[in-house]
Amino acid sequence: MGTYTINLNADGASTNRSATFTLTVGGGQGGTTWQTWTPYAAGDTVTYDGVGYRCLQGHTSLPGWEPPNVPALWQRT
């Protein structure tokens, strides 16, 4: 977890061009217990029944959408 700077440098025809991006690993739900009616963003991590999961797609959790039930939204870590 953390914030990292990514530097890209591509050599153009006669000029170097560069861009800098910031990548934040983790999310607002970092390690909390999964709950219904909670908005999750891609990259957020939760625990459910003692197992860690990472959110794959932003969504608001609904009853029945527990991480082991919806592999399209959650990846076991």
PDB file of N, CA and C in Angstrom:
ATOM      1  N   MET A   1       0.837  -1.172   0.000  1.00  0.00           N
ATOM      2  CA  MET A   1       0.000   0.000   0.000  1.00  0.00           C
ATOM      3  C   MET A   1       0.882   1.234   0.000  1.00  0.00           C
ATOM      4  N   GLY A   2       0.385   2.287  -0.575  1.00  0.00           N
ATOM      5  CA  GLY A   2       1.124   3.533  -0.592  1.00  0.00           C
ATOM      6  C   GLY A   2       0.879   4.297  -1.869  1.00  0.00           C
ATOM      7  N   THR A   3       1.561   5.418  -2.023  1.00  0.00           N
ATOM      8  CA  THR A   3       1.473   6.235  -3.221  1.00  0.00           C
ATOM      9  C   THR A   3       2.835   6.252  -3.884  1.00  0.00           C
ATOM     10  N   TYR A   4       2.859   6.027  -5.193  1.00  0.00           N
ATOM     11  CA  TYR A   4       4.102   5.924  -5.935  1.00  0.00           C
ATOM     12  C   TYR A   4       4.054   6.843  -7.146  1.00  0.00           C
ATOM     13  N   THR A   5       5.169   7.428  -7.496  1.00  0.00           N
ATOM     14  CA  THR A   5       5.278   8.257  -8.689  1.00  0.00           C
ATOM     15  C   THR A   5       5.802   7.393  -9.826  1.00  0.00           C
ATOM     16  N   ILE A   6       5.170   7.508 -10.991  1.00  0.00           N
ATOM     17  CA  ILE A   6       5.579   6.772 -12.175  1.00  0.00           C
ATOM     18  C   ILE A   6       6.048   7.799 -13.199  1.00  0.00           C
ATOM     19  N   ASN A   7       7.265   7.681 -13.651  1.00  0.00           N
ATOM     20  CA  ASN A   7       7.800   8.579 -14.670  1.00  0.00           C
ATOM     21  C   ASN A   7       7.901   7.832 -15.993  1.00  0.00           C
ATOM     22  N   LEU A   8       7.371   8.404 -17.035  1.00  0.00           N
ATOM     23  CA  LEU A   8       7.459   7.843 -18.378  1.00  0.00           C
ATOM     24  C   LEU A   8       8.263   8.802 -19.229  1.00  0.00           C
ATOM     25  N   ASN A   9       9.162   8.265 -20.005  1.00  0.00           N
ATOM     26  CA  ASN A   9       9.954   9.101 -20.894  1.00  0.00           C
ATOM     27  C   ASN A   9      10.053   8.388 -22.234  1.00  0.00           C
ATOM     28  N   ALA A  10       9.491   8.994 -23.274  1.00  0.00           N
ATOM     29  CA  ALA A  10       9.528   8.414 -24.612  1.00  0.00           C
ATOM     30  C   ALA A  10      10.326   9.345 -25.510  1.00  0.00           C
ATOM     31  N   ASP A  11      11.257   8.798 -26.231  1.00  0.00           N
ATOM     32  CA  ASP A  11      12.091   9.595 -27.116  1.00  0.00           C
ATOM     33  C   ASP A  11      11.345   9.798 -28.431  1.00  0.00           C
ATOM     34  N   GLY A  12      10.910  11.031 -28.676  1.00  0.00           N
ATOM     35  CA  GLY A  12      10.216  11.358 -29.921  1.00  0.00           C
ATOM     36  C   GLY A  12      11.201  11.472 -31.072  1.00  0.00           C
ATOM     37  N   ALA A  13      10.739  11.966 -32.204  1.00  0.00           N
ATOM     38  CA  ALA A  13      11.582  12.092 -33.394  1.00  0.00           C
ATOM     39  C   ALA A  13      12.835  12.916 -33.093  1.00  0.00           C
ATOM     40  N   SER A  14      12.670  14.051 -32.431  1.00  0.00           N
ATOM     41  CA  SER A  14      13.847  14.859 -32.118  1.00  0.00           C
ATOM     42  C   SER A  14      13.764  15.487 -30.737  1.00  0.00           C
ATOM     43  N   THR A  15      12.675  15.211 -29.998  1.00  0.00           N
ATOM     44  CA  THR A  15      12.477  15.827 -28.689  1.00  0.00           C
ATOM     45  C   THR A  15      12.085  14.766 -27.675  1.00  0.00           C
ATOM     46  N   ASN A  16      12.696  14.821 -26.516  1.00  0.00           N
ATOM     47  CA  ASN A  16      12.260  13.935 -25.438  1.00  0.00           C
ATOM     48  C   ASN A  16      10.971  14.485 -24.844  1.00  0.00           C
ATOM     49  N   ARG A  17      10.023  13.644 -24.622  1.00  0.00           N
ATOM     50  CA  ARG A  17       8.769  14.044 -23.989  1.00  0.00           C
ATOM     51  C   ARG A  17       8.592  13.142 -22.769  1.00  0.00           C
ATOM     52  N   SER A  18       8.086  13.707 -21.713  1.00  0.00           N
ATOM     53  CA  SER A  18       7.899  12.896 -20.519  1.00  0.00           C
ATOM     54  C   SER A  18       6.583  13.261 -19.859  1.00  0.00           C
ATOM     55  N   ALA A  19       6.085  12.354 -19.054  1.00  0.00           N
ATOM     56  CA  ALA A  19       4.866  12.576 -18.280  1.00  0.00           C
ATOM     57  C   ALA A  19       5.051  11.891 -16.938  1.00  0.00           C
ATOM     58  N   THR A  20       4.477  12.445 -15.909  1.00  0.00           N
ATOM     59  CA  THR A  20       4.551  11.874 -14.575  1.00  0.00           C
ATOM     60  C   THR A  20       3.140  11.611 -14.072  1.00  0.00           C
ATOM     61  N   PHE A  21       2.926  10.441 -13.520  1.00  0.00           N
ATOM     62  CA  PHE A  21       1.642  10.042 -12.974  1.00  0.00           C
ATOM     63  C   PHE A  21       1.845   9.602 -11.535  1.00  0.00           C
ATOM     64  N   THR A  22       0.788   9.664 -10.760  1.00  0.00           N
ATOM     65  CA  THR A  22       0.829   9.150  -9.395  1.00  0.00           C
ATOM     66  C   THR A  22      -0.102   7.960  -9.300  1.00  0.00           C
ATOM     67  N   LEU A  23       0.374   6.873  -8.737  1.00  0.00           N
ATOM     68  CA  LEU A  23      -0.404   5.658  -8.546  1.00  0.00           C
ATOM     69  C   LEU A  23      -0.584   5.458  -7.050  1.00  0.00           C
ATOM     70  N   THR A  24      -1.831   5.340  -6.611  1.00  0.00           N
ATOM     71  CA  THR A  24      -2.108   5.048  -5.213  1.00  0.00           C
ATOM     72  C   THR A  24      -2.582   3.613  -5.117  1.00  0.00           C
ATOM     73  N   VAL A  25      -1.879   2.815  -4.344  1.00  0.00           N
ATOM     74  CA  VAL A  25      -2.222   1.411  -4.154  1.00  0.00           C
ATOM     75  C   VAL A  25      -3.016   1.303  -2.877  1.00  0.00           C
ATOM     76  N   GLY A  26      -4.166   0.664  -2.958  1.00  0.00           N
ATOM     77  CA  GLY A  26      -5.064   0.562  -1.819  1.00  0.00           C
ATOM     78  C   GLY A  26      -6.276   1.418  -2.094  1.00  0.00           C
ATOM     79  N   GLY A  27      -7.135   1.540  -1.138  1.00  0.00           N
ATOM     80  CA  GLY A  27      -8.322   2.336  -1.352  1.00  0.00           C
ATOM     81  C   GLY A  27      -8.933   2.775  -0.048  1.00  0.00           C
ATOM     82  N   GLY A  28     -10.018   3.473  -0.152  1.00  0.00           N
ATOM     83  CA  GLY A  28     -10.678   4.017   1.012  1.00  0.00           C
ATOM     84  C   GLY A  28     -11.186   2.972   1.994  1.00  0.00           C
ATOM     85  N   GLN A  29     -11.411   1.757   1.533  1.00  0.00           N
ATOM     86  CA  GLN A  29     -11.931   0.707   2.406  1.00  0.00           C
ATOM     87  C   GLN A  29     -10.819  -0.188   2.933  1.00  0.00           C
ATOM     88  N   GLY A  30      -9.589   0.271   2.877  1.00  0.00           N
ATOM     89  CA  GLY A  30      -8.425  -0.534   3.201  1.00  0.00           C
ATOM     90  C   GLY A  30      -8.571  -1.462   4.388  1.00  0.00           C
ATOM     91  N   GLY A  31      -8.852  -2.719   4.129  1.00  0.00           N
ATOM     92  CA  GLY A  31      -8.863  -3.733   5.152  1.00  0.00           C
ATOM     93  C   GLY A  31     -10.069  -3.739   6.070  1.00  0.00           C
ATOM     94  N   THR A  32     -11.125  -3.047   5.749  1.00  0.00           N
ATOM     95  CA  THR A  32     -12.301  -3.045   6.611  1.00  0.00           C
ATOM     96  C   THR A  32     -13.127  -4.303   6.381  1.00  0.00           C
ATOM     97  N   THR A  33     -14.090  -4.533   7.233  1.00  0.00           N
ATOM     98  CA  THR A  33     -14.981  -5.676   7.089  1.00  0.00           C
ATOM     99  C   THR A  33     -16.072  -5.339   6.079  1.00  0.00           C
ATOM    100  N   TRP A  34     -16.333  -6.250   5.152  1.00  0.00           N
ATOM    101  CA  TRP A  34     -17.339  -6.038   4.117  1.00  0.00           C
ATOM    102  C   TRP A  34     -18.704  -5.803   4.753  1.00  0.00           C
ATOM    103  N   GLN A  35     -19.463  -4.842   4.186  1.00  0.00           N
ATOM    104  CA  GLN A  35     -20.806  -4.534   4.687  1.00  0.00           C
ATOM    105  C   GLN A  35     -21.738  -4.253   3.522  1.00  0.00           C
ATOM    106  N   THR A  36     -23.020  -4.550   3.700  1.00  0.00           N
ATOM    107  CA  THR A  36     -24.010  -4.220   2.677  1.00  0.00           C
ATOM    108  C   THR A  36     -24.233  -2.720   2.631  1.00  0.00           C
ATOM    109  N   TRP A  37     -24.752  -2.253   1.510  1.00  0.00           N
ATOM    110  CA  TRP A  37     -25.097  -0.850   1.275  1.00  0.00           C
ATOM    111  C   TRP A  37     -23.904   0.086   1.441  1.00  0.00           C
ATOM    112  N   THR A  38     -22.724  -0.416   1.094  1.00  0.00           N
ATOM    113  CA  THR A  38     -21.496   0.362   1.207  1.00  0.00           C
ATOM    114  C   THR A  38     -20.895   0.543  -0.178  1.00  0.00           C
ATOM    115  N   PRO A  39     -20.521   1.781  -0.551  1.00  0.00           N
ATOM    116  CA  PRO A  39     -19.853   1.964  -1.848  1.00  0.00           C
ATOM    117  C   PRO A  39     -18.393   1.512  -1.763  1.00  0.00           C
ATOM    118  N   TYR A  40     -17.977   0.708  -2.727  1.00  0.00           N
ATOM    119  CA  TYR A  40     -16.594   0.249  -2.831  1.00  0.00           C
ATOM    120  C   TYR A  40     -16.037   0.676  -4.179  1.00  0.00           C
ATOM    121  N   ALA A  41     -14.772   1.053  -4.203  1.00  0.00           N
ATOM    122  CA  ALA A  41     -14.080   1.435  -5.433  1.00  0.00           C
ATOM    123  C   ALA A  41     -13.110   0.320  -5.815  1.00  0.00           C
ATOM    124  N   ALA A  42     -12.802   0.234  -7.098  1.00  0.00           N
ATOM    125  CA  ALA A  42     -11.818  -0.744  -7.556  1.00  0.00           C
ATOM    126  C   ALA A  42     -10.524  -0.541  -6.777  1.00  0.00           C
ATOM    127  N   GLY A  43      -9.991  -1.623  -6.251  1.00  0.00           N
ATOM    128  CA  GLY A  43      -8.759  -1.573  -5.465  1.00  0.00           C
ATOM    129  C   GLY A  43      -8.978  -1.592  -3.970  1.00  0.00           C
ATOM    130  N   ASP A  44     -10.205  -1.294  -3.516  1.00  0.00           N
ATOM    131  CA  ASP A  44     -10.485  -1.364  -2.081  1.00  0.00           C
ATOM    132  C   ASP A  44     -10.304  -2.802  -1.600  1.00  0.00           C
ATOM    133  N   THR A  45      -9.880  -2.951  -0.350  1.00  0.00           N
ATOM    134  CA  THR A  45      -9.723  -4.283   0.225  1.00  0.00           C
ATOM    135  C   THR A  45     -10.621  -4.415   1.444  1.00  0.00           C
ATOM    136  N   VAL A  46     -11.172  -5.607   1.609  1.00  0.00           N
ATOM    137  CA  VAL A  46     -12.049  -5.898   2.741  1.00  0.00           C
ATOM    138  C   VAL A  46     -11.747  -7.301   3.248  1.00  0.00           C
ATOM    139  N   THR A  47     -12.283  -7.600   4.428  1.00  0.00           N
ATOM    140  CA  THR A  47     -12.286  -8.976   4.902  1.00  0.00           C
ATOM    141  C   THR A  47     -13.735  -9.431   5.009  1.00  0.00           C
ATOM    142  N   TYR A  48     -13.939 -10.703   4.748  1.00  0.00           N
ATOM    143  CA  TYR A  48     -15.263 -11.313   4.868  1.00  0.00           C
ATOM    144  C   TYR A  48     -15.048 -12.713   5.399  1.00  0.00           C
ATOM    145  N   ASP A  49     -15.619 -13.021   6.540  1.00  0.00           N
ATOM    146  CA  ASP A  49     -15.414 -14.311   7.208  1.00  0.00           C
ATOM    147  C   ASP A  49     -13.929 -14.634   7.375  1.00  0.00           C
ATOM    148  N   GLY A  50     -13.122 -13.607   7.698  1.00  0.00           N
ATOM    149  CA  GLY A  50     -11.708 -13.810   7.954  1.00  0.00           C
ATOM    150  C   GLY A  50     -10.832 -13.929   6.724  1.00  0.00           C
ATOM    151  N   VAL A  51     -11.409 -13.752   5.530  1.00  0.00           N
ATOM    152  CA  VAL A  51     -10.663 -13.866   4.281  1.00  0.00           C
ATOM    153  C   VAL A  51     -10.587 -12.493   3.629  1.00  0.00           C
ATOM    154  N   GLY A  52      -9.430 -12.147   3.057  1.00  0.00           N
ATOM    155  CA  GLY A  52      -9.252 -10.868   2.401  1.00  0.00           C
ATOM    156  C   GLY A  52      -9.707 -10.903   0.951  1.00  0.00           C
ATOM    157  N   TYR A  53     -10.300  -9.796   0.491  1.00  0.00           N
ATOM    158  CA  TYR A  53     -10.743  -9.651  -0.891  1.00  0.00           C
ATOM    159  C   TYR A  53     -10.381  -8.262  -1.387  1.00  0.00           C
ATOM    160  N   ARG A  54     -10.133  -8.154  -2.708  1.00  0.00           N
ATOM    161  CA  ARG A  54      -9.864  -6.879  -3.363  1.00  0.00           C
ATOM    162  C   ARG A  54     -10.985  -6.611  -4.352  1.00  0.00           C
ATOM    163  N   CYS A  55     -11.527  -5.398  -4.319  1.00  0.00           N
ATOM    164  CA  CYS A  55     -12.624  -5.007  -5.207  1.00  0.00           C
ATOM    165  C   CYS A  55     -12.092  -4.846  -6.631  1.00  0.00           C
ATOM    166  N   LEU A  56     -12.760  -5.469  -7.595  1.00  0.00           N
ATOM    167  CA  LEU A  56     -12.344  -5.404  -8.986  1.00  0.00           C
ATOM    168  C   LEU A  56     -13.075  -4.335  -9.778  1.00  0.00           C
ATOM    169  N   GLN A  57     -14.257  -3.945  -9.320  1.00  0.00           N
ATOM    170  CA  GLN A  57     -15.077  -2.969 -10.046  1.00  0.00           C
ATOM    171  C   GLN A  57     -15.888  -2.172  -9.034  1.00  0.00           C
ATOM    172  N   GLY A  58     -15.899  -0.860  -9.178  1.00  0.00           N
ATOM    173  CA  GLY A  58     -16.643  -0.018  -8.256  1.00  0.00           C
ATOM    174  C   GLY A  58     -18.124  -0.369  -8.243  1.00  0.00           C
ATOM    175  N   HIS A  59     -18.712  -0.400  -7.063  1.00  0.00           N
ATOM    176  CA  HIS A  59     -20.131  -0.731  -6.906  1.00  0.00           C
ATOM    177  C   HIS A  59     -20.577  -0.410  -5.481  1.00  0.00           C
ATOM    178  N   THR A  60     -21.870  -0.407  -5.268  1.00  0.00           N
ATOM    179  CA  THR A  60     -22.434  -0.347  -3.925  1.00  0.00           C
ATOM    180  C   THR A  60     -22.907  -1.749  -3.592  1.00  0.00           C
ATOM    181  N   SER A  61     -22.437  -2.284  -2.473  1.00  0.00           N
ATOM    182  CA  SER A  61     -22.743  -3.666  -2.110  1.00  0.00           C
ATOM    183  C   SER A  61     -24.221  -3.824  -1.772  1.00  0.00           C
ATOM    184  N   LEU A  62     -24.770  -4.921  -2.204  1.00  0.00           N
ATOM    185  CA  LEU A  62     -26.167  -5.255  -1.941  1.00  0.00           C
ATOM    186  C   LEU A  62     -26.228  -6.570  -1.185  1.00  0.00           C
ATOM    187  N   PRO A  63     -27.324  -6.831  -0.477  1.00  0.00           N
ATOM    188  CA  PRO A  63     -27.463  -8.138   0.175  1.00  0.00           C
ATOM    189  C   PRO A  63     -27.331  -9.257  -0.859  1.00  0.00           C
ATOM    190  N   GLY A  64     -26.543 -10.264  -0.539  1.00  0.00           N
ATOM    191  CA  GLY A  64     -26.314 -11.379  -1.458  1.00  0.00           C
ATOM    192  C   GLY A  64     -25.070 -11.189  -2.322  1.00  0.00           C
ATOM    193  N   TRP A  65     -24.486  -9.990  -2.294  1.00  0.00           N
ATOM    194  CA  TRP A  65     -23.291  -9.711  -3.082  1.00  0.00           C
ATOM    195  C   TRP A  65     -22.026  -9.877  -2.246  1.00  0.00           C
ATOM    196  N   GLU A  66     -22.048 -10.745  -1.279  1.00  0.00           N
ATOM    197  CA  GLU A  66     -20.877 -10.993  -0.459  1.00  0.00           C
ATOM    198  C   GLU A  66     -19.727 -11.440  -1.359  1.00  0.00           C
ATOM    199  N   PRO A  67     -18.485 -11.065  -1.008  1.00  0.00           N
ATOM    200  CA  PRO A  67     -17.346 -11.355  -1.887  1.00  0.00           C
ATOM    201  C   PRO A  67     -17.258 -12.782  -2.428  1.00  0.00           C
ATOM    202  N   PRO A  68     -17.461 -13.833  -1.627  1.00  0.00           N
ATOM    203  CA  PRO A  68     -17.338 -15.164  -2.241  1.00  0.00           C
ATOM    204  C   PRO A  68     -18.468 -15.483  -3.226  1.00  0.00           C
ATOM    205  N   ASN A  69     -19.566 -14.725  -3.170  1.00  0.00           N
ATOM    206  CA  ASN A  69     -20.709 -14.982  -4.058  1.00  0.00           C
ATOM    207  C   ASN A  69     -20.604 -14.264  -5.395  1.00  0.00           C
ATOM    208  N   VAL A  70     -19.746 -13.238  -5.496  1.00  0.00           N
ATOM    209  CA  VAL A  70     -19.698 -12.416  -6.708  1.00  0.00           C
ATOM    210  C   VAL A  70     -18.241 -12.258  -7.177  1.00  0.00           C
ATOM    211  N   PRO A  71     -17.677 -13.301  -7.811  1.00  0.00           N
ATOM    212  CA  PRO A  71     -16.278 -13.229  -8.230  1.00  0.00           C
ATOM    213  C   PRO A  71     -16.024 -12.162  -9.302  1.00  0.00           C
ATOM    214  N   ALA A  72     -17.043 -11.664  -9.977  1.00  0.00           N
ATOM    215  CA  ALA A  72     -16.839 -10.588 -10.953  1.00  0.00           C
ATOM    216  C   ALA A  72     -16.508  -9.271 -10.267  1.00  0.00           C
ATOM    217  N   LEU A  73     -16.883  -9.138  -8.984  1.00  0.00           N
ATOM    218  CA  LEU A  73     -16.638  -7.905  -8.247  1.00  0.00           C
ATOM    219  C   LEU A  73     -15.495  -8.022  -7.249  1.00  0.00           C
ATOM    220  N   TRP A  74     -15.186  -9.244  -6.804  1.00  0.00           N
ATOM    221  CA  TRP A  74     -14.184  -9.433  -5.735  1.00  0.00           C
ATOM    222  C   TRP A  74     -13.188 -10.520  -6.080  1.00  0.00           C
ATOM    223  N   GLN A  75     -11.931 -10.255  -5.778  1.00  0.00           N
ATOM    224  CA  GLN A  75     -10.862 -11.250  -5.962  1.00  0.00           C
ATOM    225  C   GLN A  75     -10.279 -11.571  -4.590  1.00  0.00           C
ATOM    226  N   ARG A  76     -10.186 -12.843  -4.306  1.00  0.00           N
ATOM    227  CA  ARG A  76      -9.589 -13.266  -3.032  1.00  0.00           C
ATOM    228  C   ARG A  76      -8.109 -12.911  -3.032  1.00  0.00           C
ATOM    229  N   THR A  77      -7.630 -12.369  -1.900  1.00  0.00           N
ATOM    230  CA  THR A  77      -6.210 -11.989  -1.826  1.00  0.00           C
ATOM    231  C   THR A  77      -5.420 -12.979  -1.014  1.00  0.00           C
TER     232      THR A  77
END
